[in-house]
């Protein structure tokens, strides 16, 4: 797999950022990618002591990557966290951005979580988020990624995510779980609606399985009806998933972004790392 040659890991020195770095470095090892460590000094808060701490955080990540035998670099930038991460990703032509997200309770956690969600919303490249308490970084660090889950609704926003999920499952020699999770509109007791839902789900998951078979990747298909957020979170937890992959539509369809609904709720609450991949439109 050569999808990811350069991985940008953003860190603020927090525990969850350290977990995210663990996941990012482990993935870089698996894919033989270079690591770019970035720490951001927020505008108006750029004291010498704060900048020195940020330099130490970035250097620590870069050192860990170097000790793993990877090419690495450490950079400190000043600016708004989310936009600065995106700008630096453009500068180094990163193939993947890795960030931690707290985002569960409390003002500070909500603010930190909002940075990750802002990065996901605006990034033109895949973003790997790792939440507080996520178990996946341990599995990634041990090279023990056995189960990758692709959450899909079969729509256009899932096309790019499917490509990345297939490639990652192949690279990690993992089983790919293809989870079709959509809440149909209308009367849930409507038999015709349920039948149409099941047929579309079966067609969608079968299509991914067919492509996985071509790569020699084992698959598990699951078609679930109900609230997508709940289904995705419950499925990943109950099926020992190590990495979750989700797709979003292009930014021009902001009203319909999965990131604005399902991913926005999944990312800060997932018990595993989440890779979000946006489908880009030519303009």
C-alpha atoms as a PDB file:
ATOM      1  CA  UNK A   1       0.000   0.000   0.000  1.00  0.00           C
ATOM      2  CA  UNK A   2       1.437   3.410  -0.946  1.00  0.00           C
ATOM      3  CA  UNK A   3      -1.556   5.556  -0.032  1.00  0.00           C
ATOM      4  CA  UNK A   4       0.295   7.174   2.888  1.00  0.00           C
ATOM      5  CA  UNK A   5       3.900   8.260   2.328  1.00  0.00           C
ATOM      6  CA  UNK A   6       3.849  11.264   4.676  1.00  0.00           C
ATOM      7  CA  UNK A   7       1.883  11.339   7.927  1.00  0.00           C
ATOM      8  CA  UNK A   8       1.345  14.559   9.894  1.00  0.00           C
ATOM      9  CA  UNK A   9       0.873  14.065  13.632  1.00  0.00           C
ATOM     10  CA  UNK A  10      -0.445  17.087  15.543  1.00  0.00           C
ATOM     11  CA  UNK A  11       0.280  17.160  19.271  1.00  0.00           C
ATOM     12  CA  UNK A  12      -0.433  19.421  22.233  1.00  0.00           C
ATOM     13  CA  UNK A  13       1.357  17.200  24.739  1.00  0.00           C
ATOM     14  CA  UNK A  14      -1.848  15.867  26.320  1.00  0.00           C
ATOM     15  CA  UNK A  15      -2.404  12.201  27.101  1.00  0.00           C
ATOM     16  CA  UNK A  16      -4.838  11.794  24.243  1.00  0.00           C
ATOM     17  CA  UNK A  17      -2.401  13.483  21.852  1.00  0.00           C
ATOM     18  CA  UNK A  18       0.227  10.993  22.996  1.00  0.00           C
ATOM     19  CA  UNK A  19      -2.191   8.149  22.256  1.00  0.00           C
ATOM     20  CA  UNK A  20      -2.847   9.640  18.831  1.00  0.00           C
ATOM     21  CA  UNK A  21       0.896   9.844  18.204  1.00  0.00           C
ATOM     22  CA  UNK A  22       1.232   6.189  19.197  1.00  0.00           C
ATOM     23  CA  UNK A  23      -1.385   5.249  16.624  1.00  0.00           C
ATOM     24  CA  UNK A  24       0.127   7.483  13.962  1.00  0.00           C
ATOM     25  CA  UNK A  25       3.666   6.202  14.445  1.00  0.00           C
ATOM     26  CA  UNK A  26       2.498   2.581  14.452  1.00  0.00           C
ATOM     27  CA  UNK A  27       0.603   3.138  11.227  1.00  0.00           C
ATOM     28  CA  UNK A  28       3.645   4.862   9.738  1.00  0.00           C
ATOM     29  CA  UNK A  29       5.731   1.802  10.651  1.00  0.00           C
ATOM     30  CA  UNK A  30       3.257  -0.520   8.949  1.00  0.00           C
ATOM     31  CA  UNK A  31       3.217   1.631   5.822  1.00  0.00           C
ATOM     32  CA  UNK A  32       6.885   2.752   5.868  1.00  0.00           C
ATOM     33  CA  UNK A  33       5.797   6.401   5.911  1.00  0.00           C
ATOM     34  CA  UNK A  34       7.624   9.532   7.059  1.00  0.00           C
ATOM     35  CA  UNK A  35       6.345  11.357  10.150  1.00  0.00           C
ATOM     36  CA  UNK A  36       5.910  15.134  10.439  1.00  0.00           C
ATOM     37  CA  UNK A  37       5.318  16.170  14.063  1.00  0.00           C
ATOM     38  CA  UNK A  38       3.552  19.501  14.569  1.00  0.00           C
ATOM     39  CA  UNK A  39       2.680  21.480  17.676  1.00  0.00           C
ATOM     40  CA  UNK A  40       0.768  24.754  17.464  1.00  0.00           C
ATOM     41  CA  UNK A  41       1.162  27.797  19.704  1.00  0.00           C
ATOM     42  CA  UNK A  42      -2.205  29.535  19.714  1.00  0.00           C
ATOM     43  CA  UNK A  43      -2.363  33.171  18.651  1.00  0.00           C
ATOM     44  CA  UNK A  44      -2.054  35.557  21.582  1.00  0.00           C
ATOM     45  CA  UNK A  45      -0.587  32.824  23.798  1.00  0.00           C
ATOM     46  CA  UNK A  46       2.902  32.596  22.338  1.00  0.00           C
ATOM     47  CA  UNK A  47       5.121  33.099  25.410  1.00  0.00           C
ATOM     48  CA  UNK A  48       8.673  31.747  25.300  1.00  0.00           C
ATOM     49  CA  UNK A  49       7.865  29.085  27.899  1.00  0.00           C
ATOM     50  CA  UNK A  50       4.785  27.947  26.007  1.00  0.00           C
ATOM     51  CA  UNK A  51       6.715  27.768  22.746  1.00  0.00           C
ATOM     52  CA  UNK A  52       9.490  25.754  24.402  1.00  0.00           C
ATOM     53  CA  UNK A  53       6.923  23.283  25.712  1.00  0.00           C
ATOM     54  CA  UNK A  54       5.413  22.977  22.242  1.00  0.00           C
ATOM     55  CA  UNK A  55       8.880  22.382  20.781  1.00  0.00           C
ATOM     56  CA  UNK A  56       9.453  19.629  23.337  1.00  0.00           C
ATOM     57  CA  UNK A  57       6.119  17.978  22.467  1.00  0.00           C
ATOM     58  CA  UNK A  58       6.864  17.972  18.745  1.00  0.00           C
ATOM     59  CA  UNK A  59      10.441  16.757  19.234  1.00  0.00           C
ATOM     60  CA  UNK A  60       9.228  13.931  21.472  1.00  0.00           C
ATOM     61  CA  UNK A  61       6.933  12.626  18.723  1.00  0.00           C
ATOM     62  CA  UNK A  62       9.656  12.982  16.093  1.00  0.00           C
ATOM     63  CA  UNK A  63      12.143  11.171  18.333  1.00  0.00           C
ATOM     64  CA  UNK A  64       9.730   8.289  18.871  1.00  0.00           C
ATOM     65  CA  UNK A  65       9.293   8.018  15.112  1.00  0.00           C
ATOM     66  CA  UNK A  66      13.067   8.086  14.552  1.00  0.00           C
ATOM     67  CA  UNK A  67      13.570   5.369  17.153  1.00  0.00           C
ATOM     68  CA  UNK A  68      11.074   3.285  15.171  1.00  0.00           C
ATOM     69  CA  UNK A  69      13.324   3.639  12.141  1.00  0.00           C
ATOM     70  CA  UNK A  70      11.231   6.263  10.375  1.00  0.00           C
ATOM     71  CA  UNK A  71      12.192   9.553   8.772  1.00  0.00           C
ATOM     72  CA  UNK A  72      10.827  12.363  10.926  1.00  0.00           C
ATOM     73  CA  UNK A  73      10.746  16.116  11.425  1.00  0.00           C
ATOM     74  CA  UNK A  74       9.458  18.386  14.206  1.00  0.00           C
ATOM     75  CA  UNK A  75       7.919  21.821  13.680  1.00  0.00           C
ATOM     76  CA  UNK A  76       6.260  24.447  15.896  1.00  0.00           C
ATOM     77  CA  UNK A  77       3.879  26.924  14.266  1.00  0.00           C
ATOM     78  CA  UNK A  78       1.875  29.864  15.601  1.00  0.00           C
ATOM     79  CA  UNK A  79      -1.771  30.364  14.710  1.00  0.00           C
ATOM     80  CA  UNK A  80      -5.249  28.918  15.122  1.00  0.00           C
ATOM     81  CA  UNK A  81      -4.820  25.191  15.831  1.00  0.00           C
ATOM     82  CA  UNK A  82      -7.119  23.694  13.186  1.00  0.00           C
ATOM     83  CA  UNK A  83      -6.234  26.029  10.325  1.00  0.00           C
ATOM     84  CA  UNK A  84      -2.514  25.806  11.130  1.00  0.00           C
ATOM     85  CA  UNK A  85      -2.643  22.009  11.059  1.00  0.00           C
ATOM     86  CA  UNK A  86      -4.325  22.135   7.655  1.00  0.00           C
ATOM     87  CA  UNK A  87      -1.848  24.686   6.304  1.00  0.00           C
ATOM     88  CA  UNK A  88       1.122  22.621   7.421  1.00  0.00           C
ATOM     89  CA  UNK A  89      -0.433  19.493   5.941  1.00  0.00           C
ATOM     90  CA  UNK A  90      -0.548  21.308   2.610  1.00  0.00           C
ATOM     91  CA  UNK A  91       3.064  22.466   2.953  1.00  0.00           C
ATOM     92  CA  UNK A  92       4.455  18.970   3.581  1.00  0.00           C
ATOM     93  CA  UNK A  93       1.942  17.348   1.223  1.00  0.00           C
ATOM     94  CA  UNK A  94       0.773  15.012   3.981  1.00  0.00           C
ATOM     95  CA  UNK A  95      -1.279  12.002   2.947  1.00  0.00           C
ATOM     96  CA  UNK A  96      -2.813  11.634   6.409  1.00  0.00           C
ATOM     97  CA  UNK A  97      -3.413  13.908   9.411  1.00  0.00           C
ATOM     98  CA  UNK A  98      -3.448  12.384  12.908  1.00  0.00           C
ATOM     99  CA  UNK A  99      -5.084  14.259  15.812  1.00  0.00           C
ATOM    100  CA  UNK A 100      -6.377  13.435  19.272  1.00  0.00           C
ATOM    101  CA  UNK A 101      -9.829  14.403  20.457  1.00  0.00           C
ATOM    102  CA  UNK A 102     -11.206  14.687  23.982  1.00  0.00           C
ATOM    103  CA  UNK A 103     -14.671  16.029  23.223  1.00  0.00           C
ATOM    104  CA  UNK A 104     -16.741  14.206  25.800  1.00  0.00           C
ATOM    105  CA  UNK A 105     -17.426  16.401  28.802  1.00  0.00           C
ATOM    106  CA  UNK A 106     -16.230  19.708  30.135  1.00  0.00           C
ATOM    107  CA  UNK A 107     -15.411  22.965  28.370  1.00  0.00           C
ATOM    108  CA  UNK A 108     -11.722  22.226  27.743  1.00  0.00           C
ATOM    109  CA  UNK A 109     -12.506  18.788  26.329  1.00  0.00           C
ATOM    110  CA  UNK A 110     -15.251  20.205  24.142  1.00  0.00           C
ATOM    111  CA  UNK A 111     -12.881  22.843  22.766  1.00  0.00           C
ATOM    112  CA  UNK A 112     -10.156  20.303  22.063  1.00  0.00           C
ATOM    113  CA  UNK A 113     -12.690  18.031  20.447  1.00  0.00           C
ATOM    114  CA  UNK A 114     -13.923  20.881  18.272  1.00  0.00           C
ATOM    115  CA  UNK A 115     -10.404  21.344  16.847  1.00  0.00           C
ATOM    116  CA  UNK A 116     -10.377  17.753  15.629  1.00  0.00           C
ATOM    117  CA  UNK A 117     -13.853  18.102  14.153  1.00  0.00           C
ATOM    118  CA  UNK A 118     -12.850  21.348  12.438  1.00  0.00           C
ATOM    119  CA  UNK A 119      -9.854  19.586  10.920  1.00  0.00           C
ATOM    120  CA  UNK A 120     -12.089  16.755   9.690  1.00  0.00           C
ATOM    121  CA  UNK A 121     -14.605  19.191   8.259  1.00  0.00           C
ATOM    122  CA  UNK A 122     -12.096  21.236   6.277  1.00  0.00           C
ATOM    123  CA  UNK A 123      -9.352  18.731   5.436  1.00  0.00           C
ATOM    124  CA  UNK A 124      -8.805  17.704   1.830  1.00  0.00           C
ATOM    125  CA  UNK A 125      -7.068  14.555   2.992  1.00  0.00           C
ATOM    126  CA  UNK A 126      -7.863  11.652   5.345  1.00  0.00           C
ATOM    127  CA  UNK A 127      -7.859  12.343   9.089  1.00  0.00           C
ATOM    128  CA  UNK A 128      -7.204   9.774  11.817  1.00  0.00           C
ATOM    129  CA  UNK A 129      -8.697  10.767  15.173  1.00  0.00           C
ATOM    130  CA  UNK A 130      -8.014   9.047  18.466  1.00  0.00           C
ATOM    131  CA  UNK A 131     -10.317   9.715  21.398  1.00  0.00           C
ATOM    132  CA  UNK A 132      -9.663   9.571  25.122  1.00  0.00           C
ATOM    133  CA  UNK A 133      -9.655   5.956  26.268  1.00  0.00           C
ATOM    134  CA  UNK A 134      -9.555   4.527  22.749  1.00  0.00           C
ATOM    135  CA  UNK A 135      -8.083   1.021  22.755  1.00  0.00           C
ATOM    136  CA  UNK A 136      -6.966   1.035  19.136  1.00  0.00           C
ATOM    137  CA  UNK A 137      -3.587   2.770  19.627  1.00  0.00           C
ATOM    138  CA  UNK A 138      -2.424  -0.191  21.714  1.00  0.00           C
ATOM    139  CA  UNK A 139      -3.418  -2.609  18.964  1.00  0.00           C
ATOM    140  CA  UNK A 140      -1.790  -0.433  16.320  1.00  0.00           C
ATOM    141  CA  UNK A 141       1.396  -0.151  18.354  1.00  0.00           C
ATOM    142  CA  UNK A 142       1.556  -3.929  18.751  1.00  0.00           C
ATOM    143  CA  UNK A 143       1.057  -4.398  15.022  1.00  0.00           C
ATOM    144  CA  UNK A 144      -2.081  -6.259  16.030  1.00  0.00           C
ATOM    145  CA  UNK A 145      -4.718  -4.740  13.750  1.00  0.00           C
ATOM    146  CA  UNK A 146      -6.957  -7.734  13.145  1.00  0.00           C
ATOM    147  CA  UNK A 147     -10.273  -6.043  12.392  1.00  0.00           C
ATOM    148  CA  UNK A 148     -10.980  -2.920  10.331  1.00  0.00           C
ATOM    149  CA  UNK A 149     -14.569  -1.684  10.021  1.00  0.00           C
ATOM    150  CA  UNK A 150     -15.926   0.325   7.090  1.00  0.00           C
ATOM    151  CA  UNK A 151     -19.166   2.099   8.018  1.00  0.00           C
ATOM    152  CA  UNK A 152     -20.974   2.901   4.789  1.00  0.00           C
ATOM    153  CA  UNK A 153     -24.353   3.918   3.428  1.00  0.00           C
ATOM    154  CA  UNK A 154     -23.366   3.141  -0.152  1.00  0.00           C
ATOM    155  CA  UNK A 155     -23.667   6.767  -1.254  1.00  0.00           C
ATOM    156  CA  UNK A 156     -21.094   8.909  -3.053  1.00  0.00           C
ATOM    157  CA  UNK A 157     -19.415  10.045   0.145  1.00  0.00           C
ATOM    158  CA  UNK A 158     -18.401   6.476   0.928  1.00  0.00           C
ATOM    159  CA  UNK A 159     -16.456   5.780  -2.288  1.00  0.00           C
ATOM    160  CA  UNK A 160     -13.103   7.161  -1.145  1.00  0.00           C
ATOM    161  CA  UNK A 161     -13.499   5.635   2.327  1.00  0.00           C
ATOM    162  CA  UNK A 162     -14.035   2.234   0.739  1.00  0.00           C
ATOM    163  CA  UNK A 163     -10.750   2.545  -1.162  1.00  0.00           C
ATOM    164  CA  UNK A 164      -8.840   3.419   2.001  1.00  0.00           C
ATOM    165  CA  UNK A 165     -10.520   0.723   4.102  1.00  0.00           C
ATOM    166  CA  UNK A 166      -9.671  -1.948   1.537  1.00  0.00           C
ATOM    167  CA  UNK A 167      -6.062  -0.797   1.279  1.00  0.00           C
ATOM    168  CA  UNK A 168      -5.574  -0.613   5.051  1.00  0.00           C
ATOM    169  CA  UNK A 169      -7.139  -4.020   5.681  1.00  0.00           C
ATOM    170  CA  UNK A 170      -4.874  -5.439   2.987  1.00  0.00           C
ATOM    171  CA  UNK A 171      -1.739  -3.767   4.387  1.00  0.00           C
ATOM    172  CA  UNK A 172      -2.512  -4.912   7.943  1.00  0.00           C
ATOM    173  CA  UNK A 173      -3.679  -8.396   6.875  1.00  0.00           C
ATOM    174  CA  UNK A 174      -6.911  -7.663   8.738  1.00  0.00           C
ATOM    175  CA  UNK A 175     -10.512  -8.753   8.348  1.00  0.00           C
ATOM    176  CA  UNK A 176     -12.695  -5.996   6.891  1.00  0.00           C
ATOM    177  CA  UNK A 177     -16.115  -5.570   8.482  1.00  0.00           C
ATOM    178  CA  UNK A 178     -18.498  -3.906   6.027  1.00  0.00           C
ATOM    179  CA  UNK A 179     -21.199  -2.228   8.106  1.00  0.00           C
ATOM    180  CA  UNK A 180     -24.205  -0.746   6.341  1.00  0.00           C
ATOM    181  CA  UNK A 181     -25.907   1.537   8.826  1.00  0.00           C
ATOM    182  CA  UNK A 182     -28.730   3.769   7.683  1.00  0.00           C
ATOM    183  CA  UNK A 183     -31.928   4.939   9.317  1.00  0.00           C
ATOM    184  CA  UNK A 184     -34.626   4.892   6.599  1.00  0.00           C
ATOM    185  CA  UNK A 185     -37.123   7.726   6.412  1.00  0.00           C
ATOM    186  CA  UNK A 186     -40.786   7.010   6.879  1.00  0.00           C
ATOM    187  CA  UNK A 187     -42.726   4.388   8.808  1.00  0.00           C
ATOM    188  CA  UNK A 188     -40.355   1.821  10.363  1.00  0.00           C
ATOM    189  CA  UNK A 189     -43.185  -0.732  10.194  1.00  0.00           C
ATOM    190  CA  UNK A 190     -43.473  -0.359   6.425  1.00  0.00           C
ATOM    191  CA  UNK A 191     -42.576  -3.779   5.002  1.00  0.00           C
ATOM    192  CA  UNK A 192     -41.763  -2.424   1.536  1.00  0.00           C
ATOM    193  CA  UNK A 193     -39.404   0.134   3.055  1.00  0.00           C
ATOM    194  CA  UNK A 194     -37.639  -2.491   5.138  1.00  0.00           C
ATOM    195  CA  UNK A 195     -37.280  -4.742   2.120  1.00  0.00           C
ATOM    196  CA  UNK A 196     -35.812  -1.948  -0.014  1.00  0.00           C
ATOM    197  CA  UNK A 197     -33.426  -1.049   2.793  1.00  0.00           C
ATOM    198  CA  UNK A 198     -32.221  -4.625   3.159  1.00  0.00           C
ATOM    199  CA  UNK A 199     -31.726  -5.084  -0.579  1.00  0.00           C
ATOM    200  CA  UNK A 200     -29.696  -1.893  -0.886  1.00  0.00           C
ATOM    201  CA  UNK A 201     -27.641  -2.830   2.152  1.00  0.00           C
ATOM    202  CA  UNK A 202     -26.969  -6.318   0.835  1.00  0.00           C
ATOM    203  CA  UNK A 203     -25.997  -4.933  -2.571  1.00  0.00           C
ATOM    204  CA  UNK A 204     -23.682  -2.363  -0.991  1.00  0.00           C
ATOM    205  CA  UNK A 205     -21.898  -4.779   1.332  1.00  0.00           C
ATOM    206  CA  UNK A 206     -21.662  -7.459  -1.364  1.00  0.00           C
ATOM    207  CA  UNK A 207     -20.025  -4.956  -3.704  1.00  0.00           C
ATOM    208  CA  UNK A 208     -17.317  -4.175  -1.155  1.00  0.00           C
ATOM    209  CA  UNK A 209     -16.829  -7.869  -0.416  1.00  0.00           C
ATOM    210  CA  UNK A 210     -16.328  -8.596  -4.103  1.00  0.00           C
ATOM    211  CA  UNK A 211     -13.550  -6.032  -4.265  1.00  0.00           C
ATOM    212  CA  UNK A 212     -12.032  -7.341  -1.031  1.00  0.00           C
ATOM    213  CA  UNK A 213     -11.977 -10.864  -2.470  1.00  0.00           C
ATOM    214  CA  UNK A 214      -9.868  -9.576  -5.354  1.00  0.00           C
ATOM    215  CA  UNK A 215      -7.273  -8.426  -2.806  1.00  0.00           C
ATOM    216  CA  UNK A 216      -7.460 -11.581  -0.714  1.00  0.00           C
ATOM    217  CA  UNK A 217      -9.019  -9.677   2.202  1.00  0.00           C
ATOM    218  CA  UNK A 218     -11.480 -11.547   4.427  1.00  0.00           C
ATOM    219  CA  UNK A 219     -14.774  -9.764   5.091  1.00  0.00           C
ATOM    220  CA  UNK A 220     -17.739  -9.798   7.434  1.00  0.00           C
ATOM    221  CA  UNK A 221     -20.950  -8.187   6.179  1.00  0.00           C
ATOM    222  CA  UNK A 222     -23.484  -6.535   8.481  1.00  0.00           C
ATOM    223  CA  UNK A 223     -26.701  -4.753   7.489  1.00  0.00           C
ATOM    224  CA  UNK A 224     -28.266  -2.865  10.385  1.00  0.00           C
ATOM    225  CA  UNK A 225     -31.351  -0.672  10.585  1.00  0.00           C
ATOM    226  CA  UNK A 226     -31.626   2.113  13.138  1.00  0.00           C
ATOM    227  CA  UNK A 227     -29.797   5.211  14.322  1.00  0.00           C
ATOM    228  CA  UNK A 228     -26.447   5.079  12.461  1.00  0.00           C
ATOM    229  CA  UNK A 229     -24.420   6.635  15.277  1.00  0.00           C
ATOM    230  CA  UNK A 230     -25.602   4.062  17.806  1.00  0.00           C
ATOM    231  CA  UNK A 231     -25.134   1.191  15.374  1.00  0.00           C
ATOM    232  CA  UNK A 232     -21.582   2.200  14.480  1.00  0.00           C
ATOM    233  CA  UNK A 233     -20.489   2.727  18.087  1.00  0.00           C
ATOM    234  CA  UNK A 234     -22.077  -0.495  19.319  1.00  0.00           C
ATOM    235  CA  UNK A 235     -20.772  -2.566  16.427  1.00  0.00           C
ATOM    236  CA  UNK A 236     -17.163  -1.437  16.807  1.00  0.00           C
ATOM    237  CA  UNK A 237     -17.222  -2.097  20.531  1.00  0.00           C
ATOM    238  CA  UNK A 238     -18.938  -5.489  20.402  1.00  0.00           C
ATOM    239  CA  UNK A 239     -16.899  -6.875  17.495  1.00  0.00           C
ATOM    240  CA  UNK A 240     -13.393  -6.023  18.709  1.00  0.00           C
ATOM    241  CA  UNK A 241     -12.782  -3.573  15.874  1.00  0.00           C
ATOM    242  CA  UNK A 242      -9.316  -1.982  15.933  1.00  0.00           C
ATOM    243  CA  UNK A 243      -9.870   0.787  13.374  1.00  0.00           C
ATOM    244  CA  UNK A 244     -13.053   2.413  12.047  1.00  0.00           C
ATOM    245  CA  UNK A 245     -13.217   4.000   8.585  1.00  0.00           C
ATOM    246  CA  UNK A 246     -15.987   6.434   7.607  1.00  0.00           C
ATOM    247  CA  UNK A 247     -16.613   8.589   4.541  1.00  0.00           C
ATOM    248  CA  UNK A 248     -17.869  12.133   4.146  1.00  0.00           C
ATOM    249  CA  UNK A 249     -19.144  13.976   1.114  1.00  0.00           C
ATOM    250  CA  UNK A 250     -17.376  16.948  -0.426  1.00  0.00           C
ATOM    251  CA  UNK A 251     -17.414  20.288   1.339  1.00  0.00           C
ATOM    252  CA  UNK A 252     -19.717  21.744  -1.307  1.00  0.00           C
ATOM    253  CA  UNK A 253     -22.414  19.476   0.098  1.00  0.00           C
ATOM    254  CA  UNK A 254     -21.891  20.796   3.607  1.00  0.00           C
ATOM    255  CA  UNK A 255     -25.572  20.481   4.505  1.00  0.00           C
ATOM    256  CA  UNK A 256     -25.398  16.742   3.918  1.00  0.00           C
ATOM    257  CA  UNK A 257     -21.946  16.051   5.340  1.00  0.00           C
ATOM    258  CA  UNK A 258     -21.795  12.849   7.304  1.00  0.00           C
ATOM    259  CA  UNK A 259     -19.276  14.756   9.396  1.00  0.00           C
ATOM    260  CA  UNK A 260     -22.076  17.118  10.386  1.00  0.00           C
ATOM    261  CA  UNK A 261     -24.173  14.276  11.711  1.00  0.00           C
ATOM    262  CA  UNK A 262     -22.912  10.746  12.190  1.00  0.00           C
ATOM    263  CA  UNK A 263     -19.145  11.339  12.219  1.00  0.00           C
ATOM    264  CA  UNK A 264     -19.497  14.381  14.462  1.00  0.00           C
ATOM    265  CA  UNK A 265     -21.058  12.136  17.089  1.00  0.00           C
ATOM    266  CA  UNK A 266     -18.965   9.041  16.432  1.00  0.00           C
ATOM    267  CA  UNK A 267     -15.494  10.635  16.484  1.00  0.00           C
ATOM    268  CA  UNK A 268     -15.462  11.912  20.113  1.00  0.00           C
ATOM    269  CA  UNK A 269     -17.230   8.828  21.444  1.00  0.00           C
ATOM    270  CA  UNK A 270     -15.583   5.965  19.573  1.00  0.00           C
ATOM    271  CA  UNK A 271     -13.598   3.411  21.561  1.00  0.00           C
ATOM    272  CA  UNK A 272     -11.221   2.966  18.599  1.00  0.00           C
ATOM    273  CA  UNK A 273      -9.319   5.272  16.226  1.00  0.00           C
ATOM    274  CA  UNK A 274     -11.523   6.672  13.444  1.00  0.00           C
ATOM    275  CA  UNK A 275     -10.298   7.386   9.918  1.00  0.00           C
ATOM    276  CA  UNK A 276     -12.528   9.859   8.081  1.00  0.00           C
ATOM    277  CA  UNK A 277     -12.104  10.198   4.332  1.00  0.00           C
ATOM    278  CA  UNK A 278     -13.800  12.913   2.330  1.00  0.00           C
ATOM    279  CA  UNK A 279     -14.824  12.530  -1.297  1.00  0.00           C
ATOM    280  CA  UNK A 280     -13.518  15.527  -3.225  1.00  0.00           C
ATOM    281  CA  UNK A 281     -15.207  17.088  -6.221  1.00  0.00           C
ATOM    282  CA  UNK A 282     -13.406  18.743  -9.093  1.00  0.00           C
ATOM    283  CA  UNK A 283     -14.099  22.469  -9.244  1.00  0.00           C
END
